[in-house]
Protein backbone atom coordinates (compact mmCIF):
# COMPACT_ATOMS: atom_id res chain seq x y z
CA MET A 1 -148.96 34.37 36.77
CA ARG A 2 -147.80 32.86 40.05
CA ASN A 3 -144.30 32.21 38.67
CA LYS A 4 -144.12 35.75 37.26
CA PHE A 5 -145.09 37.10 40.66
CA LYS A 6 -142.75 34.90 42.69
CA LYS A 7 -139.57 35.80 40.82
CA PRO A 8 -139.76 39.63 41.26
CA ALA A 9 -140.94 39.15 44.82
CA LEU A 10 -137.97 36.92 45.57
CA ILE A 11 -135.59 39.49 44.08
CA VAL A 12 -137.17 42.20 46.21
CA LEU A 13 -136.86 40.07 49.35
CA ILE A 14 -133.18 39.31 48.64
CA SER A 15 -132.52 42.99 47.94
CA VAL A 16 -134.22 44.04 51.17
CA PHE A 17 -132.23 41.42 53.08
CA LEU A 18 -128.93 42.58 51.62
CA LEU A 19 -129.72 46.23 52.23
CA ALA A 20 -130.81 45.51 55.77
CA ASN A 21 -127.70 43.48 56.52
CA GLY A 22 -125.20 45.48 54.50
CA HIS A 23 -124.44 47.63 57.52
CA PHE A 24 -123.98 44.51 59.62
CA PHE A 25 -121.38 42.99 57.29
CA ARG A 26 -119.49 46.26 56.99
CA ALA A 27 -119.68 46.64 60.75
CA LEU A 28 -117.59 43.52 60.99
CA ALA A 29 -114.71 45.18 59.13
CA ALA A 30 -113.09 46.62 62.24
CA ASP A 31 -113.49 43.36 64.12
CA ASP A 32 -112.09 41.49 61.12
CA ALA A 33 -109.12 43.83 61.18
CA GLY A 34 -108.55 42.98 64.81
CA ASP A 35 -108.74 39.27 64.06
CA ILE A 36 -106.26 39.62 61.20
CA GLN A 37 -103.89 41.63 63.38
CA ASP A 38 -104.10 38.98 66.12
CA LYS A 39 -103.13 36.39 63.51
CA ILE A 40 -100.27 38.62 62.37
CA ASP A 41 -99.05 39.03 65.96
CA SER A 42 -99.32 35.28 66.56
CA THR A 43 -97.49 34.50 63.31
CA GLN A 44 -94.79 37.04 64.14
CA LYS A 45 -94.22 35.36 67.49
CA LYS A 46 -93.86 32.03 65.71
CA ILE A 47 -91.40 33.63 63.31
CA ASN A 48 -89.38 35.01 66.22
CA GLN A 49 -89.39 31.63 67.98
CA THR A 50 -88.44 29.80 64.78
CA GLN A 51 -85.67 32.30 64.10
CA LYS A 52 -84.29 31.72 67.59
CA THR A 53 -84.41 27.96 66.98
CA LEU A 54 -82.65 28.46 63.64
CA ASP A 55 -79.97 30.68 65.19
CA ALA A 56 -79.41 28.15 67.98
CA SER A 57 -79.16 25.29 65.46
CA GLN A 58 -76.68 27.22 63.33
CA THR A 59 -74.58 27.98 66.41
CA GLN A 60 -74.78 24.32 67.40
CA LEU A 61 -73.73 23.32 63.88
CA GLN A 62 -70.64 25.54 64.06
CA GLN A 63 -69.71 24.04 67.43
CA ASN A 64 -70.31 20.54 66.05
CA LYS A 65 -68.07 21.25 63.05
CA LYS A 66 -65.29 22.37 65.40
CA GLN A 67 -65.73 19.19 67.46
CA VAL A 68 -65.63 17.04 64.32
CA SER A 69 -62.51 18.82 63.13
CA SER A 70 -60.83 18.35 66.53
CA THR A 71 -61.78 14.65 66.65
CA GLN A 72 -60.53 14.10 63.10
CA SER A 73 -57.25 15.80 64.02
CA ILE A 74 -56.87 13.55 67.09
CA LEU A 75 -57.62 10.50 64.93
CA GLN A 76 -54.99 11.56 62.43
CA GLN A 77 -52.43 12.02 65.20
CA THR A 78 -53.36 8.64 66.69
CA GLU A 79 -53.03 6.90 63.33
CA THR A 80 -49.63 8.55 62.81
CA GLU A 81 -48.54 7.43 66.28
CA ILE A 82 -49.77 3.88 65.62
CA SER A 83 -47.84 3.81 62.36
CA ARG A 84 -44.70 5.02 64.15
CA LYS A 85 -45.14 2.34 66.83
CA GLU A 86 -45.53 -0.31 64.14
CA ASN A 87 -42.23 0.79 62.57
CA GLU A 88 -40.53 0.71 65.98
CA ILE A 89 -41.91 -2.78 66.68
CA LYS A 90 -40.67 -3.96 63.30
CA ASN A 91 -37.22 -2.53 64.00
CA ILE A 92 -37.09 -4.20 67.42
CA SER A 93 -38.27 -7.49 65.93
CA ASP A 94 -35.47 -7.25 63.39
CA ARG A 95 -32.99 -6.52 66.20
CA ILE A 96 -34.26 -9.51 68.19
CA GLU A 97 -33.90 -11.80 65.19
CA LEU A 98 -30.43 -10.49 64.47
CA ASN A 99 -29.31 -10.94 68.07
CA ARG A 100 -30.73 -14.43 68.11
CA GLN A 101 -28.69 -15.30 65.05
CA ILE A 102 -25.60 -13.70 66.59
CA LEU A 103 -26.19 -15.59 69.82
CA ALA A 104 -26.62 -18.90 68.01
CA SER A 105 -23.44 -18.32 66.00
CA TYR A 106 -21.58 -17.14 69.08
CA ILE A 107 -22.63 -20.16 71.12
CA ARG A 108 -21.63 -22.55 68.37
CA GLU A 109 -18.27 -20.87 67.97
CA MET A 110 -17.62 -20.80 71.69
CA TYR A 111 -18.70 -24.39 72.05
CA PHE A 112 -16.39 -25.72 69.40
CA ASN A 113 -13.52 -23.42 70.39
CA ASN A 114 -13.83 -24.45 74.00
CA GLN A 115 -13.99 -28.13 73.07
CA ASP A 116 -10.75 -27.77 71.12
CA ASP A 117 -9.16 -25.83 73.97
CA VAL A 118 -10.06 -28.53 76.45
CA ILE A 119 -8.58 -31.31 74.29
CA VAL A 120 -5.44 -29.32 73.63
CA GLN A 121 -5.00 -28.52 77.29
CA LEU A 122 -5.58 -32.07 78.35
CA ALA A 123 -2.94 -33.21 75.88
CA LEU A 124 -0.36 -30.65 76.92
CA ASN A 125 -1.11 -30.54 80.59
CA ALA A 126 -1.90 -33.78 82.22
CA ASP A 127 -2.21 -32.04 85.58
CA MET A 128 -5.24 -29.93 84.45
CA SER A 129 -7.92 -30.30 87.09
CA PHE A 130 -11.66 -30.73 86.84
CA ASN A 131 -12.10 -27.28 88.33
CA ASP A 132 -10.25 -25.75 85.40
CA LEU A 133 -12.62 -27.51 83.01
CA ALA A 134 -15.58 -26.32 85.04
CA ASP A 135 -14.32 -22.75 84.86
CA ASN A 136 -14.25 -22.93 81.08
CA ALA A 137 -17.80 -24.26 81.06
CA ASP A 138 -18.91 -21.51 83.44
CA ASN A 139 -17.41 -18.86 81.17
CA LEU A 140 -19.34 -20.31 78.27
CA ILE A 141 -22.59 -20.28 80.26
CA SER A 142 -21.94 -16.75 81.55
CA ALA A 143 -21.47 -15.40 78.01
CA LYS A 144 -24.66 -17.15 76.93
CA GLU A 145 -26.60 -15.68 79.87
CA LYS A 146 -25.41 -12.17 79.03
CA VAL A 147 -26.60 -12.50 75.46
CA LEU A 148 -29.90 -13.93 76.67
CA GLY A 149 -30.23 -11.00 79.06
CA ILE A 150 -29.83 -8.57 76.17
CA LEU A 151 -32.48 -10.47 74.25
CA GLU A 152 -34.85 -10.30 77.23
CA GLU A 153 -34.39 -6.54 77.47
CA ILE A 154 -35.10 -6.13 73.76
CA GLN A 155 -38.15 -8.37 74.09
CA ALA A 156 -39.39 -6.31 77.05
CA ASP A 157 -39.07 -3.15 74.95
CA LYS A 158 -41.04 -4.86 72.21
CA ASN A 159 -43.75 -5.94 74.63
CA GLN A 160 -44.04 -2.38 75.92
CA LEU A 161 -44.35 -1.06 72.35
CA VAL A 162 -47.01 -3.66 71.53
CA GLN A 163 -48.97 -2.65 74.65
CA SER A 164 -48.68 1.02 73.68
CA GLN A 165 -49.83 0.16 70.16
CA ASN A 166 -52.86 -1.71 71.53
CA GLU A 167 -53.74 1.24 73.75
CA LEU A 168 -53.51 3.56 70.75
CA ALA A 169 -55.72 1.20 68.75
CA GLU A 170 -58.34 1.31 71.53
CA LYS A 171 -58.05 5.09 71.63
CA LYS A 172 -58.53 5.19 67.86
CA ASP A 173 -61.68 3.04 68.14
CA GLN A 174 -63.08 5.33 70.83
CA HIS A 175 -62.47 8.46 68.75
CA GLN A 176 -63.95 6.80 65.68
CA LYS A 177 -67.12 6.13 67.67
CA ILE A 178 -67.12 9.75 68.91
CA LEU A 179 -66.63 10.99 65.35
CA LYS A 180 -69.45 8.79 64.10
CA GLY A 181 -71.76 10.22 66.78
CA GLN A 182 -70.71 13.79 65.99
CA LEU A 183 -71.28 13.30 62.27
CA GLY A 184 -74.69 11.79 63.02
CA GLN A 185 -75.52 14.79 65.19
CA GLN A 186 -74.36 17.09 62.40
CA VAL A 187 -76.82 15.47 59.99
CA GLU A 188 -79.65 15.98 62.52
CA ILE A 189 -78.69 19.62 63.08
CA LYS A 190 -78.61 20.27 59.34
CA GLN A 191 -82.05 18.69 59.03
CA ASP A 192 -83.30 20.96 61.85
CA ILE A 193 -81.88 23.98 60.03
CA VAL A 194 -83.54 23.00 56.74
CA GLN A 195 -86.85 22.47 58.55
CA ALA A 196 -86.58 25.79 60.41
CA GLN A 197 -85.75 27.63 57.18
CA ALA A 198 -88.73 26.01 55.46
CA THR A 199 -90.96 26.96 58.40
CA LEU A 200 -89.68 30.53 58.30
CA SER A 201 -90.40 30.71 54.60
CA GLU A 202 -93.96 29.50 55.17
CA LEU A 203 -94.52 31.87 58.10
CA ASN A 204 -93.15 34.87 56.20
CA ALA A 205 -95.40 34.06 53.28
CA LYS A 206 -98.34 33.78 55.69
CA ILE A 207 -97.60 37.05 57.47
CA ASN A 208 -97.16 38.89 54.16
CA LYS A 209 -100.54 37.58 53.04
CA LEU A 210 -102.15 38.64 56.32
CA ARG A 211 -100.60 42.10 56.09
CA GLY A 212 -101.92 42.37 52.57
CA GLU A 213 -105.40 41.46 53.81
CA LEU A 214 -105.14 44.01 56.61
CA SER A 215 -103.94 46.68 54.22
CA ASP A 216 -106.82 45.94 51.86
CA LEU A 217 -109.27 46.13 54.74
CA LEU A 218 -108.01 49.24 56.47
CA GLY A 219 -106.08 51.08 53.84
CA GLU A 220 -102.67 52.64 54.31
CA ASN A 221 -100.86 51.94 57.59
CA VAL A 222 -98.40 54.22 59.35
CA SER A 223 -94.79 53.56 60.29
CA PHE A 224 -94.15 52.50 63.88
CA ASP A 225 -91.08 54.73 64.05
CA ASP A 226 -93.20 57.67 62.94
CA VAL A 227 -95.78 56.85 65.64
CA VAL A 228 -93.10 56.92 68.34
CA LYS A 229 -91.73 60.22 67.04
CA ALA A 230 -95.22 61.72 66.94
CA ALA A 231 -95.90 60.55 70.50
CA GLY A 232 -92.62 62.12 71.63
CA PHE A 233 -93.55 65.41 69.97
CA ALA A 234 -97.03 65.36 71.53
CA ALA A 235 -95.57 64.58 74.96
CA GLU A 236 -93.29 67.63 74.80
CA ALA A 237 -96.12 69.79 73.52
CA THR A 238 -98.70 68.79 76.14
CA GLY A 239 -96.86 67.36 79.18
CA VAL A 240 -98.57 63.95 78.83
CA ARG A 241 -96.22 61.00 79.27
CA LYS A 242 -95.05 59.52 75.92
CA ASP A 243 -95.52 55.91 77.03
CA PHE A 244 -99.08 56.67 78.13
CA ILE A 245 -99.83 58.24 74.73
CA LEU A 246 -98.44 55.13 73.01
CA GLY A 247 -100.56 52.91 75.26
CA MET A 248 -103.65 54.89 74.24
CA LEU A 249 -102.68 54.59 70.59
CA VAL A 250 -102.41 50.81 70.88
CA VAL A 251 -105.87 50.55 72.39
CA GLU A 252 -107.51 53.13 70.14
CA SER A 253 -105.97 52.24 66.78
CA GLY A 254 -103.37 49.51 67.23
CA LEU A 255 -100.58 52.07 66.90
CA GLY A 256 -102.16 53.47 63.76
CA ARG A 257 -103.17 50.18 62.16
CA TYR A 258 -106.95 50.45 62.62
CA THR A 259 -107.62 53.93 61.31
CA GLY A 260 -110.89 53.05 59.65
CA GLY A 261 -112.48 50.52 57.37
CA CYS A 262 -115.73 52.21 56.39
CA THR A 263 -116.89 55.30 54.53
CA ALA A 264 -118.89 58.01 56.29
CA GLU A 265 -122.08 56.84 54.61
CA LYS A 266 -121.64 53.38 56.13
CA SER A 267 -120.56 54.55 59.57
CA ARG A 268 -124.07 55.36 60.83
CA MET A 269 -122.79 58.65 62.26
CA SER A 270 -125.46 61.23 63.10
CA SER A 271 -126.45 63.88 60.57
CA TYR A 272 -124.92 66.50 62.85
CA ARG A 273 -121.55 64.77 62.88
CA LEU A 274 -121.81 64.01 59.17
CA GLY A 275 -122.26 67.72 58.43
CA ILE A 276 -119.12 68.59 60.43
CA PHE A 277 -117.28 65.72 58.77
CA LYS A 278 -118.13 67.04 55.32
CA ASN A 279 -116.82 70.49 56.28
CA ILE A 280 -113.55 69.01 57.60
CA CYS A 281 -113.04 67.10 54.34
CA LYS A 282 -113.96 70.15 52.24
CA GLU A 283 -111.44 72.32 54.09
CA LEU A 284 -108.72 69.70 53.53
CA ASP A 285 -109.77 69.07 49.92
CA TYR A 286 -110.78 65.46 50.58
CA ASP A 287 -113.68 63.59 48.99
CA TRP A 288 -115.84 62.94 52.04
CA LYS A 289 -117.47 59.97 50.33
CA LYS A 290 -114.12 58.17 49.98
CA LYS A 291 -112.36 59.12 53.20
CA LYS A 292 -112.22 56.16 55.61
CA VAL A 293 -113.50 56.29 59.19
CA SER A 294 -114.21 53.65 61.83
CA CYS A 295 -117.02 51.19 61.26
CA PRO A 296 -120.00 50.79 63.59
CA PRO A 297 -119.29 48.32 66.39
CA SER A 298 -120.85 44.89 66.00
CA SER A 299 -120.64 43.88 69.67
CA TYR A 300 -122.65 46.79 71.10
CA LYS A 301 -124.91 49.61 69.98
CA GLY A 302 -123.15 52.65 68.64
CA THR A 303 -121.92 54.40 65.55
CA GLY A 304 -118.68 54.60 63.66
CA GLY A 305 -117.13 57.71 62.16
CA ALA A 306 -113.98 58.09 64.26
CA MET A 307 -111.10 59.59 62.29
CA GLY A 308 -107.37 58.83 62.13
CA VAL A 309 -105.03 57.38 64.74
CA ALA A 310 -106.64 59.34 67.59
CA GLN A 311 -110.13 58.12 66.60
CA PHE A 312 -111.79 61.49 67.18
CA MET A 313 -115.41 61.98 66.15
CA SER A 314 -115.89 64.98 63.88
CA ASP A 315 -117.51 67.18 66.54
CA THR A 316 -114.75 66.32 69.06
CA TRP A 317 -112.12 67.21 66.47
CA LEU A 318 -113.83 70.54 65.88
CA GLY A 319 -113.47 71.37 69.57
CA TYR A 320 -109.70 70.77 69.54
CA LYS A 321 -108.96 72.07 66.05
CA SER A 322 -107.45 75.42 67.00
CA SER A 323 -105.41 73.98 69.89
CA ILE A 324 -103.95 71.32 67.58
CA ALA A 325 -103.04 73.93 64.97
CA ALA A 326 -101.29 75.99 67.66
CA LYS A 327 -99.12 73.01 68.68
CA THR A 328 -98.30 71.57 65.26
CA GLY A 329 -98.38 74.69 63.08
CA ASN A 330 -100.70 72.91 60.66
CA ASN A 331 -103.70 75.09 59.91
CA PRO A 332 -106.13 73.60 59.27
CA PRO A 333 -105.01 70.46 61.13
CA ASP A 334 -105.73 67.10 59.52
CA PRO A 335 -107.33 64.30 61.61
CA TRP A 336 -105.71 61.72 59.27
CA SER A 337 -102.28 63.29 59.77
CA LEU A 338 -100.25 61.29 62.26
CA THR A 339 -98.79 64.30 64.07
CA ASP A 340 -102.05 66.26 64.18
CA GLY A 341 -103.98 63.20 65.33
CA VAL A 342 -101.56 62.25 68.12
CA VAL A 343 -101.32 65.84 69.35
CA GLY A 344 -105.13 66.01 69.39
CA MET A 345 -105.21 62.84 71.50
CA ALA A 346 -102.59 64.21 73.89
CA LEU A 347 -104.47 67.51 74.27
CA LYS A 348 -107.67 65.70 75.19
CA LEU A 349 -105.80 63.47 77.65
CA ALA A 350 -104.10 66.51 79.19
CA ARG A 351 -107.47 68.18 79.64
CA GLY A 352 -108.65 65.00 81.42
CA GLY A 353 -105.76 65.14 83.92
CA ALA A 354 -103.09 62.98 82.25
CA THR A 355 -100.31 65.52 82.80
CA SER A 356 -99.65 63.63 86.04
CA LYS A 357 -99.30 59.88 86.24
CA SER A 358 -101.94 59.67 88.96
CA GLY A 359 -104.47 61.28 86.62
CA GLU A 360 -103.89 58.98 83.66
CA CYS A 361 -106.58 56.45 84.53
CA LYS A 362 -109.22 59.15 84.89
CA ALA A 363 -108.12 60.74 81.61
CA ALA A 364 -108.35 57.39 79.80
CA LYS A 365 -111.92 56.82 81.03
CA LEU A 366 -112.93 60.33 79.98
CA TYR A 367 -111.36 59.79 76.59
CA LEU A 368 -113.43 56.64 76.06
CA SER A 369 -116.80 57.67 77.45
CA GLY A 370 -116.76 61.15 78.92
CA SER A 371 -117.29 59.49 82.30
CA THR A 372 -115.01 58.41 85.15
CA SER A 373 -117.29 55.55 86.17
CA SER A 374 -115.66 52.46 87.64
CA LYS A 375 -117.33 50.37 84.96
CA TYR A 376 -114.68 51.66 82.56
CA GLN A 377 -111.81 50.46 84.74
CA TRP A 378 -111.16 47.68 82.21
CA TYR A 379 -110.26 50.33 79.63
CA CYS A 380 -107.95 52.08 82.07
CA ASP A 381 -106.23 48.79 82.90
CA ARG A 382 -105.79 47.93 79.23
CA VAL A 383 -104.18 51.30 78.48
CA ALA A 384 -101.91 50.94 81.53
CA TYR A 385 -100.79 47.51 80.32
CA TRP A 386 -99.98 48.70 76.81
CA SER A 387 -98.20 51.77 78.15
CA LYS A 388 -95.62 49.33 79.47
CA ASN A 389 -95.75 46.82 76.62
CA TYR A 390 -96.45 48.80 73.45
CA GLU A 391 -93.16 47.50 71.97
CA ASP A 392 -94.91 44.13 71.50
CA LYS A 393 -97.13 45.80 68.89
CA MET A 394 -94.09 47.18 67.10
CA ASP A 395 -92.63 43.77 66.06
């Protein structure tokens, strides 16, 4: 009997616990959406940074390829010049060897010819003096010195060519080292590019998954371009600054991202607001049980039930319904319509004093709480910040 009693009792306790906490878990939906969006924004920043790194690496690779090509061209020219110098040195060496042979032959011929001349002259001319013999010897030496001088000049040219060749060889070694370094750098750059591309692929997969989670949680999102156009239309229609409207939209619904994650039944809205909500849905031919609204806040006491990008409660929407229809031409206006919702927001801000820049802070506080108390300054400051930086939410 005890076991039979314990099992149903346990089921009842679990059921009561789940029912009691069901609202709590659903109340986390909006906060979860914010967390997911923060992760999306963070991932998008990483994607942007990685893309910049990738672009820089690809630019660096192109520059490196040009440097490698230039170095290879210089090396080719140097090798051609070295080859030409080698041919010139060979030609000079051949000339030197030829002149040496000519000189040796010439000296031998002169020596023997002069020896014969001296003997003949001594035989025919007994009066031939020593000076005459010396002159003949001097002529022989002079001819030899001239040939040696030519050889020295040729050798000097060869030495200069050899020096030039050595300098070119050193230059070639230097450029080969430069080329080796450039090719090594090219390998590193290519590795960086591969890594950046892999990182981008991972980040894109991650951000697509996060966007899918956000879409599942909040339902259909609106286009950023459409939000900007709607804000521009509302600004012209009401006199409220477009950037201020966009700042409000960021804070209220993340530029249309957080338009609701709960049904009306789970929003904890009052019976009075629920009745108006049902009438709004009936007039627009919506199933009130399926239409999404904001969830109850988990960080403070309150109810959900706010509708669309402007996050109007049903009774607030009712008060602006005719004014919205007059501006947009949509009758009845639709709180889940982007244009109708943004115009409704702008009309409420205009009524709060936002048609002048000095009145924007007051209008923002009134929009949030119906009060201009200084304790809501944080909200005013947040809207002011996003009025200047809403583009960050449009990445």
